[in-house]
Amino acid sequence: MPPTANEDLARKLDIRLQGGEIFQVREVVHDNTVIWSELFTEAERRLLQQELREQTILFSIRDNFEVVVRVCWQKEAKDRVQKLRTGHVAALVHDYRGPCASGWCWGKLVRSLYQQGFSVVMLEWPGFGNSRYHQASTNDEGGWRRLDGDILAHVMSELGVGK
């Protein structure tokens, strides 16, 4: 059965040149597909639509990283003061395998944390979602997993979140 117009809008292909004439193609789930799923209540969906922003952070630690984060900043944290954001921040990171291997696995906590005054950062580890390691979108955690603390620290620093 062919996909409906809504299913076509929800699908997104990520095509990356790997070198020479070799391309890597993979289907990526669009954030709106997750937000409009039955997982979220109307109140949660409204907050995510109004406050959720996606950012890509590029940096090098022994290799090139492209890490995607989804953030909901509290009002006082939206503007940086002397390069740092103010207020409390909850960083939500996912597992490397299993049912909780996506930045969205903590999506149900966002509204509750936000209502308690936290800015919320949901990180996609390299090889998950749209995040990359060494320009590869595959989940080869062996090359970067020993650096996960450094990756998290670098991402939070780039976002302007202090210790």
N, C-alpha and C. Protein backbone atom coordinates (compact mmCIF):
# COMPACT_ATOMS: atom_id res chain seq x y z
N MET A 1 0.84 -1.17 0.00
CA MET A 1 0.00 0.00 0.00
C MET A 1 0.90 1.24 0.00
N PRO A 2 0.67 2.22 -0.89
CA PRO A 2 1.52 3.43 -0.93
C PRO A 2 1.29 4.29 0.31
N PRO A 3 2.32 5.03 0.72
CA PRO A 3 2.17 5.88 1.90
C PRO A 3 1.20 7.03 1.62
N THR A 4 0.55 7.49 2.69
CA THR A 4 -0.35 8.64 2.57
C THR A 4 0.49 9.91 2.53
N ALA A 5 -0.16 11.03 2.25
CA ALA A 5 0.55 12.31 2.20
C ALA A 5 1.19 12.61 3.56
N ASN A 6 0.49 12.31 4.66
CA ASN A 6 1.05 12.56 5.99
C ASN A 6 2.28 11.69 6.25
N GLU A 7 2.25 10.44 5.81
CA GLU A 7 3.41 9.57 5.99
C GLU A 7 4.59 10.06 5.16
N ASP A 8 4.33 10.58 3.97
CA ASP A 8 5.41 11.13 3.15
C ASP A 8 6.06 12.32 3.84
N LEU A 9 5.24 13.17 4.48
CA LEU A 9 5.78 14.33 5.17
C LEU A 9 6.61 13.92 6.38
N ALA A 10 6.26 12.81 7.00
CA ALA A 10 6.95 12.36 8.20
C ALA A 10 8.28 11.69 7.88
N ARG A 11 8.47 11.25 6.66
CA ARG A 11 9.70 10.56 6.28
C ARG A 11 10.75 11.57 5.83
N LYS A 12 11.97 11.28 6.19
CA LYS A 12 13.07 12.13 5.78
C LYS A 12 14.26 11.22 5.53
N LEU A 13 14.93 11.42 4.43
CA LEU A 13 16.10 10.63 4.11
C LEU A 13 17.36 11.45 4.35
N ASP A 14 18.32 10.82 4.98
CA ASP A 14 19.62 11.43 5.20
C ASP A 14 20.58 10.77 4.22
N ILE A 15 21.14 11.54 3.31
CA ILE A 15 22.05 11.01 2.30
C ILE A 15 23.40 11.68 2.51
N ARG A 16 24.41 10.86 2.76
CA ARG A 16 25.76 11.37 3.02
C ARG A 16 26.75 10.75 2.04
N LEU A 17 27.62 11.58 1.51
CA LEU A 17 28.70 11.09 0.66
C LEU A 17 29.76 10.48 1.56
N GLN A 18 30.09 9.22 1.33
CA GLN A 18 31.09 8.53 2.13
C GLN A 18 32.47 8.63 1.51
N GLY A 19 32.53 8.90 0.23
CA GLY A 19 33.80 8.99 -0.48
C GLY A 19 33.67 8.38 -1.85
N GLY A 20 34.33 8.98 -2.83
CA GLY A 20 34.23 8.48 -4.20
C GLY A 20 32.79 8.52 -4.68
N GLU A 21 32.28 7.37 -5.08
CA GLU A 21 30.89 7.29 -5.53
C GLU A 21 30.03 6.51 -4.54
N ILE A 22 30.45 6.47 -3.30
CA ILE A 22 29.72 5.71 -2.28
C ILE A 22 28.92 6.68 -1.40
N PHE A 23 27.62 6.40 -1.31
CA PHE A 23 26.73 7.20 -0.49
C PHE A 23 26.10 6.31 0.57
N GLN A 24 25.78 6.90 1.70
CA GLN A 24 25.04 6.20 2.73
C GLN A 24 23.66 6.84 2.80
N VAL A 25 22.62 6.03 2.75
CA VAL A 25 21.25 6.53 2.80
C VAL A 25 20.55 5.84 3.97
N ARG A 26 19.88 6.65 4.79
CA ARG A 26 19.11 6.07 5.87
C ARG A 26 17.89 6.94 6.14
N GLU A 27 16.85 6.32 6.61
CA GLU A 27 15.62 7.04 6.93
C GLU A 27 15.73 7.61 8.33
N VAL A 28 15.35 8.86 8.49
CA VAL A 28 15.39 9.53 9.77
C VAL A 28 13.96 9.91 10.15
N VAL A 29 13.58 9.65 11.39
CA VAL A 29 12.25 10.02 11.86
C VAL A 29 12.25 11.50 12.18
N HIS A 30 11.32 12.22 11.62
CA HIS A 30 11.20 13.66 11.84
C HIS A 30 10.67 13.92 13.24
N ASP A 31 11.14 14.98 13.89
CA ASP A 31 10.70 15.31 15.25
C ASP A 31 9.18 15.45 15.35
N ASN A 32 8.55 16.05 14.33
CA ASN A 32 7.10 16.21 14.38
C ASN A 32 6.37 14.87 14.42
N THR A 33 6.95 13.86 13.82
CA THR A 33 6.35 12.53 13.89
C THR A 33 6.31 12.05 15.34
N VAL A 34 7.37 12.30 16.08
CA VAL A 34 7.42 11.90 17.48
C VAL A 34 6.48 12.77 18.31
N ILE A 35 6.53 14.07 18.11
CA ILE A 35 5.70 14.99 18.89
C ILE A 35 4.22 14.69 18.71
N TRP A 36 3.81 14.36 17.49
CA TRP A 36 2.39 14.12 17.22
C TRP A 36 1.98 12.67 17.44
N SER A 37 2.89 11.86 17.98
CA SER A 37 2.54 10.47 18.26
C SER A 37 1.62 10.41 19.49
N GLU A 38 1.06 9.26 19.72
CA GLU A 38 0.16 9.08 20.86
C GLU A 38 0.91 9.10 22.19
N LEU A 39 2.23 9.15 22.15
CA LEU A 39 3.04 9.17 23.36
C LEU A 39 2.77 10.41 24.21
N PHE A 40 2.54 11.55 23.57
CA PHE A 40 2.43 12.81 24.29
C PHE A 40 0.98 13.27 24.46
N THR A 41 0.72 13.91 25.61
CA THR A 41 -0.57 14.54 25.84
C THR A 41 -0.61 15.87 25.09
N GLU A 42 -1.76 16.46 25.02
CA GLU A 42 -1.89 17.75 24.33
C GLU A 42 -1.03 18.83 25.01
N ALA A 43 -0.98 18.84 26.34
CA ALA A 43 -0.18 19.84 27.07
C ALA A 43 1.32 19.63 26.80
N GLU A 44 1.76 18.38 26.78
CA GLU A 44 3.17 18.09 26.49
C GLU A 44 3.51 18.51 25.07
N ARG A 45 2.62 18.19 24.15
CA ARG A 45 2.82 18.52 22.74
C ARG A 45 2.92 20.04 22.55
N ARG A 46 2.06 20.78 23.25
CA ARG A 46 2.05 22.24 23.13
C ARG A 46 3.39 22.82 23.61
N LEU A 47 3.90 22.32 24.75
CA LEU A 47 5.19 22.80 25.25
C LEU A 47 6.30 22.49 24.26
N LEU A 48 6.34 21.27 23.75
CA LEU A 48 7.39 20.88 22.80
C LEU A 48 7.33 21.73 21.53
N GLN A 49 6.12 22.01 21.05
CA GLN A 49 6.00 22.84 19.84
C GLN A 49 6.46 24.27 20.10
N GLN A 50 6.19 24.79 21.27
CA GLN A 50 6.54 26.18 21.57
C GLN A 50 8.00 26.37 21.95
N GLU A 51 8.56 25.43 22.71
CA GLU A 51 9.87 25.65 23.31
C GLU A 51 11.01 24.81 22.76
N LEU A 52 10.71 23.65 22.17
CA LEU A 52 11.77 22.75 21.74
C LEU A 52 12.52 23.29 20.53
N ARG A 53 13.84 23.32 20.63
CA ARG A 53 14.69 23.73 19.53
C ARG A 53 15.77 22.68 19.32
N GLU A 54 16.12 22.46 18.07
CA GLU A 54 17.19 21.51 17.76
C GLU A 54 18.44 22.29 17.38
N GLN A 55 19.58 21.84 17.87
CA GLN A 55 20.86 22.46 17.58
C GLN A 55 21.87 21.39 17.22
N THR A 56 22.75 21.70 16.31
CA THR A 56 23.84 20.79 15.97
C THR A 56 25.14 21.42 16.42
N ILE A 57 25.92 20.67 17.16
CA ILE A 57 27.18 21.17 17.69
C ILE A 57 28.32 20.41 17.04
N LEU A 58 29.23 21.14 16.42
CA LEU A 58 30.38 20.56 15.72
C LEU A 58 31.64 20.81 16.53
N PHE A 59 32.45 19.76 16.70
CA PHE A 59 33.70 19.91 17.43
C PHE A 59 34.60 18.71 17.15
N SER A 60 35.84 18.81 17.61
CA SER A 60 36.80 17.71 17.45
C SER A 60 37.40 17.35 18.80
N ILE A 61 37.39 16.05 19.09
CA ILE A 61 38.13 15.47 20.21
C ILE A 61 38.75 14.21 19.63
N ARG A 62 39.95 14.28 19.18
CA ARG A 62 40.63 13.16 18.51
C ARG A 62 39.94 12.75 17.21
N ASP A 63 38.79 13.29 16.91
CA ASP A 63 38.07 13.04 15.66
C ASP A 63 36.96 14.07 15.55
N ASN A 64 36.25 14.08 14.43
CA ASN A 64 35.19 15.05 14.21
C ASN A 64 33.85 14.53 14.73
N PHE A 65 33.14 15.39 15.43
CA PHE A 65 31.83 15.06 15.98
C PHE A 65 30.81 16.08 15.51
N GLU A 66 29.62 15.60 15.28
CA GLU A 66 28.47 16.43 14.93
C GLU A 66 27.34 15.91 15.81
N VAL A 67 27.08 16.61 16.91
CA VAL A 67 26.14 16.12 17.91
C VAL A 67 24.88 16.98 17.90
N VAL A 68 23.74 16.31 17.78
CA VAL A 68 22.45 16.98 17.77
C VAL A 68 21.86 16.97 19.17
N VAL A 69 21.38 18.12 19.60
CA VAL A 69 20.68 18.23 20.88
C VAL A 69 19.33 18.89 20.65
N ARG A 70 18.37 18.51 21.45
CA ARG A 70 17.07 19.17 21.47
C ARG A 70 16.97 19.86 22.82
N VAL A 71 16.66 21.15 22.81
CA VAL A 71 16.68 21.92 24.06
C VAL A 71 15.37 22.66 24.27
N CYS A 72 15.00 22.78 25.52
CA CYS A 72 13.90 23.64 25.96
C CYS A 72 14.49 24.54 27.03
N TRP A 73 14.81 25.78 26.65
CA TRP A 73 15.43 26.71 27.58
C TRP A 73 14.36 27.44 28.38
N GLN A 74 14.61 27.58 29.67
CA GLN A 74 13.78 28.47 30.49
C GLN A 74 14.04 29.90 30.03
N LYS A 75 13.11 30.79 30.33
CA LYS A 75 13.22 32.17 29.87
C LYS A 75 14.55 32.81 30.26
N GLU A 76 14.97 32.62 31.52
CA GLU A 76 16.22 33.25 31.98
C GLU A 76 17.46 32.63 31.34
N ALA A 77 17.33 31.42 30.78
CA ALA A 77 18.49 30.75 30.18
C ALA A 77 18.60 31.00 28.68
N LYS A 78 17.57 31.59 28.08
CA LYS A 78 17.60 31.79 26.62
C LYS A 78 18.70 32.75 26.21
N ASP A 79 18.96 33.75 27.03
CA ASP A 79 20.02 34.71 26.75
C ASP A 79 21.23 34.38 27.61
N ARG A 80 22.38 34.30 26.98
CA ARG A 80 23.61 34.02 27.72
C ARG A 80 24.12 35.30 28.38
N VAL A 81 24.64 35.15 29.59
CA VAL A 81 25.27 36.25 30.30
C VAL A 81 26.74 35.89 30.42
N GLN A 82 27.61 36.68 29.83
CA GLN A 82 29.05 36.41 29.81
C GLN A 82 29.32 34.97 29.34
N LYS A 83 28.67 34.58 28.26
CA LYS A 83 28.83 33.29 27.60
C LYS A 83 28.21 32.11 28.37
N LEU A 84 27.67 32.34 29.56
CA LEU A 84 27.03 31.27 30.32
C LEU A 84 25.53 31.52 30.46
N ARG A 85 24.79 30.45 30.50
CA ARG A 85 23.35 30.54 30.72
C ARG A 85 23.08 30.48 32.22
N THR A 86 21.98 31.08 32.65
CA THR A 86 21.62 31.06 34.06
C THR A 86 20.53 30.02 34.29
N GLY A 87 20.39 29.63 35.54
CA GLY A 87 19.35 28.68 35.92
C GLY A 87 19.85 27.24 35.93
N HIS A 88 18.95 26.35 36.30
CA HIS A 88 19.26 24.92 36.39
C HIS A 88 19.01 24.24 35.06
N VAL A 89 19.86 23.27 34.73
CA VAL A 89 19.74 22.54 33.47
C VAL A 89 19.76 21.04 33.76
N ALA A 90 18.83 20.31 33.15
CA ALA A 90 18.81 18.84 33.23
C ALA A 90 19.28 18.32 31.87
N ALA A 91 20.37 17.56 31.88
CA ALA A 91 20.88 16.93 30.66
C ALA A 91 20.39 15.49 30.64
N LEU A 92 19.64 15.14 29.61
CA LEU A 92 19.08 13.80 29.48
C LEU A 92 19.80 13.07 28.35
N VAL A 93 20.49 12.00 28.69
CA VAL A 93 21.24 11.22 27.71
C VAL A 93 20.68 9.81 27.64
N HIS A 94 20.69 9.24 26.46
CA HIS A 94 20.10 7.92 26.26
C HIS A 94 21.14 6.81 26.36
N ASP A 95 20.65 5.58 26.37
CA ASP A 95 21.49 4.40 26.43
C ASP A 95 22.12 4.15 25.06
N TYR A 96 23.06 3.22 25.01
CA TYR A 96 23.72 2.88 23.76
C TYR A 96 23.01 1.77 22.99
N ARG A 97 22.15 1.04 23.67
CA ARG A 97 21.42 -0.08 23.05
C ARG A 97 20.06 -0.21 23.70
N GLY A 98 19.21 -0.98 23.04
CA GLY A 98 17.92 -1.32 23.63
C GLY A 98 16.84 -0.29 23.37
N PRO A 99 15.76 -0.39 24.13
CA PRO A 99 14.58 0.46 23.87
C PRO A 99 14.80 1.93 24.22
N CYS A 100 15.84 2.23 24.97
CA CYS A 100 16.09 3.62 25.37
C CYS A 100 17.32 4.17 24.65
N ALA A 101 17.47 3.84 23.36
CA ALA A 101 18.64 4.26 22.59
C ALA A 101 18.28 5.38 21.64
N SER A 102 17.63 6.41 22.16
CA SER A 102 17.26 7.59 21.38
C SER A 102 17.12 8.76 22.34
N GLY A 103 17.45 9.94 21.86
CA GLY A 103 17.28 11.13 22.68
C GLY A 103 15.83 11.36 23.09
N TRP A 104 14.91 10.81 22.33
CA TRP A 104 13.49 10.98 22.62
C TRP A 104 13.02 10.08 23.76
N CYS A 105 13.84 9.14 24.22
CA CYS A 105 13.38 8.20 25.26
C CYS A 105 13.00 8.93 26.55
N TRP A 106 13.53 10.11 26.76
CA TRP A 106 13.20 10.88 27.96
C TRP A 106 12.18 11.98 27.69
N GLY A 107 11.57 11.96 26.51
CA GLY A 107 10.64 13.02 26.12
C GLY A 107 9.50 13.27 27.09
N LYS A 108 9.02 12.24 27.75
CA LYS A 108 7.91 12.40 28.69
C LYS A 108 8.32 13.19 29.93
N LEU A 109 9.61 13.30 30.21
CA LEU A 109 10.08 14.05 31.38
C LEU A 109 10.23 15.54 31.12
N VAL A 110 10.25 15.94 29.88
CA VAL A 110 10.56 17.33 29.54
C VAL A 110 9.60 18.30 30.20
N ARG A 111 8.32 18.09 30.05
CA ARG A 111 7.33 19.04 30.60
C ARG A 111 7.43 19.14 32.11
N SER A 112 7.56 18.01 32.79
CA SER A 112 7.66 18.01 34.25
C SER A 112 8.91 18.76 34.71
N LEU A 113 10.04 18.48 34.10
CA LEU A 113 11.28 19.18 34.47
C LEU A 113 11.17 20.68 34.16
N TYR A 114 10.60 21.00 33.01
CA TYR A 114 10.45 22.39 32.61
C TYR A 114 9.55 23.15 33.60
N GLN A 115 8.46 22.51 34.02
CA GLN A 115 7.55 23.15 34.98
C GLN A 115 8.22 23.34 36.35
N GLN A 116 9.21 22.52 36.66
CA GLN A 116 9.94 22.66 37.92
C GLN A 116 11.08 23.65 37.82
N GLY A 117 11.22 24.33 36.67
CA GLY A 117 12.21 25.38 36.52
C GLY A 117 13.51 24.98 35.86
N PHE A 118 13.58 23.76 35.34
CA PHE A 118 14.79 23.31 34.66
C PHE A 118 14.71 23.61 33.17
N SER A 119 15.83 24.03 32.60
CA SER A 119 15.99 23.97 31.15
C SER A 119 16.37 22.53 30.86
N VAL A 120 15.93 22.01 29.71
CA VAL A 120 16.13 20.59 29.42
C VAL A 120 16.93 20.44 28.13
N VAL A 121 17.96 19.58 28.20
CA VAL A 121 18.80 19.26 27.04
C VAL A 121 18.71 17.75 26.81
N MET A 122 18.23 17.35 25.63
CA MET A 122 18.20 15.93 25.25
C MET A 122 19.27 15.73 24.17
N LEU A 123 20.26 14.92 24.48
CA LEU A 123 21.40 14.71 23.60
C LEU A 123 21.25 13.42 22.80
N GLU A 124 21.64 13.47 21.54
CA GLU A 124 21.74 12.26 20.70
C GLU A 124 23.21 11.90 20.59
N TRP A 125 23.60 10.75 21.11
CA TRP A 125 24.98 10.31 21.00
C TRP A 125 25.36 10.14 19.53
N PRO A 126 26.64 10.22 19.20
CA PRO A 126 27.07 10.01 17.81
C PRO A 126 26.59 8.66 17.28
N GLY A 127 26.08 8.69 16.05
CA GLY A 127 25.57 7.47 15.44
C GLY A 127 24.10 7.23 15.71
N PHE A 128 23.48 8.07 16.53
CA PHE A 128 22.06 7.97 16.84
C PHE A 128 21.38 9.23 16.31
N GLY A 129 20.15 9.09 15.83
CA GLY A 129 19.46 10.24 15.27
C GLY A 129 20.28 10.87 14.16
N ASN A 130 20.45 12.18 14.23
CA ASN A 130 21.23 12.89 13.21
C ASN A 130 22.66 13.18 13.66
N SER A 131 23.08 12.66 14.79
CA SER A 131 24.44 12.90 15.27
C SER A 131 25.43 12.02 14.52
N ARG A 132 26.66 12.51 14.36
CA ARG A 132 27.68 11.83 13.58
C ARG A 132 28.99 11.76 14.34
N TYR A 133 29.76 10.75 13.99
CA TYR A 133 31.12 10.59 14.49
C TYR A 133 31.98 10.25 13.27
N HIS A 134 33.03 11.00 13.06
CA HIS A 134 33.92 10.76 11.92
C HIS A 134 33.12 10.76 10.61
N GLN A 135 32.13 11.65 10.53
CA GLN A 135 31.25 11.82 9.37
C GLN A 135 30.47 10.56 9.02
N ALA A 136 30.31 9.66 9.97
CA ALA A 136 29.51 8.45 9.73
C ALA A 136 28.28 8.49 10.62
N SER A 137 27.16 8.10 10.07
CA SER A 137 25.92 8.13 10.84
C SER A 137 25.58 6.77 11.42
N THR A 138 26.49 5.82 11.28
CA THR A 138 26.23 4.49 11.83
C THR A 138 26.56 4.47 13.30
N ASN A 139 25.97 3.55 13.99
CA ASN A 139 26.15 3.44 15.43
C ASN A 139 27.38 2.58 15.73
N ASP A 140 28.56 3.14 15.53
CA ASP A 140 29.80 2.46 15.86
C ASP A 140 30.36 3.11 17.11
N GLU A 141 29.79 2.73 18.25
CA GLU A 141 30.16 3.39 19.50
C GLU A 141 31.56 3.03 19.98
N GLY A 142 32.15 1.99 19.43
CA GLY A 142 33.48 1.58 19.86
C GLY A 142 34.52 2.67 19.73
N GLY A 143 34.38 3.52 18.72
CA GLY A 143 35.35 4.56 18.48
C GLY A 143 35.19 5.79 19.34
N TRP A 144 34.01 5.99 19.93
CA TRP A 144 33.78 7.22 20.70
C TRP A 144 33.30 6.99 22.12
N ARG A 145 32.85 5.81 22.45
CA ARG A 145 32.22 5.58 23.76
C ARG A 145 33.15 5.92 24.93
N ARG A 146 34.43 5.66 24.78
CA ARG A 146 35.36 6.00 25.86
C ARG A 146 35.47 7.52 26.05
N LEU A 147 34.95 8.26 25.08
CA LEU A 147 34.98 9.73 25.15
C LEU A 147 33.64 10.32 25.56
N ASP A 148 32.67 9.49 25.99
CA ASP A 148 31.32 10.01 26.21
C ASP A 148 31.27 11.14 27.24
N GLY A 149 32.08 11.06 28.30
CA GLY A 149 32.13 12.15 29.28
C GLY A 149 32.67 13.44 28.66
N ASP A 150 33.71 13.31 27.84
CA ASP A 150 34.27 14.47 27.15
C ASP A 150 33.26 15.06 26.16
N ILE A 151 32.54 14.19 25.46
CA ILE A 151 31.53 14.65 24.50
C ILE A 151 30.45 15.45 25.23
N LEU A 152 29.94 14.89 26.32
CA LEU A 152 28.90 15.58 27.08
C LEU A 152 29.41 16.92 27.61
N ALA A 153 30.61 16.94 28.17
CA ALA A 153 31.19 18.18 28.69
C ALA A 153 31.35 19.22 27.59
N HIS A 154 31.81 18.78 26.41
CA HIS A 154 32.01 19.71 25.30
C HIS A 154 30.67 20.29 24.81
N VAL A 155 29.67 19.42 24.69
CA VAL A 155 28.35 19.87 24.24
C VAL A 155 27.77 20.89 25.23
N MET A 156 27.85 20.58 26.52
CA MET A 156 27.30 21.50 27.52
C MET A 156 28.05 22.83 27.52
N SER A 157 29.37 22.77 27.33
CA SER A 157 30.16 23.98 27.25
C SER A 157 29.76 24.82 26.03
N GLU A 158 29.58 24.18 24.89
CA GLU A 158 29.15 24.88 23.67
C GLU A 158 27.78 25.51 23.83
N LEU A 159 26.93 24.86 24.62
CA LEU A 159 25.58 25.41 24.88
C LEU A 159 25.61 26.54 25.91
N GLY A 160 26.76 26.74 26.55
CA GLY A 160 26.87 27.80 27.53
C GLY A 160 26.39 27.40 28.91
N VAL A 161 26.42 26.09 29.19
CA VAL A 161 26.00 25.59 30.50
C VAL A 161 27.23 25.37 31.34
N GLY A 162 27.29 26.02 32.50
CA GLY A 162 28.43 25.87 33.40
C GLY A 162 28.31 24.62 34.24
N LYS A 163 29.28 24.42 35.09
CA LYS A 163 29.29 23.22 35.96
C LYS A 163 28.30 23.31 37.07
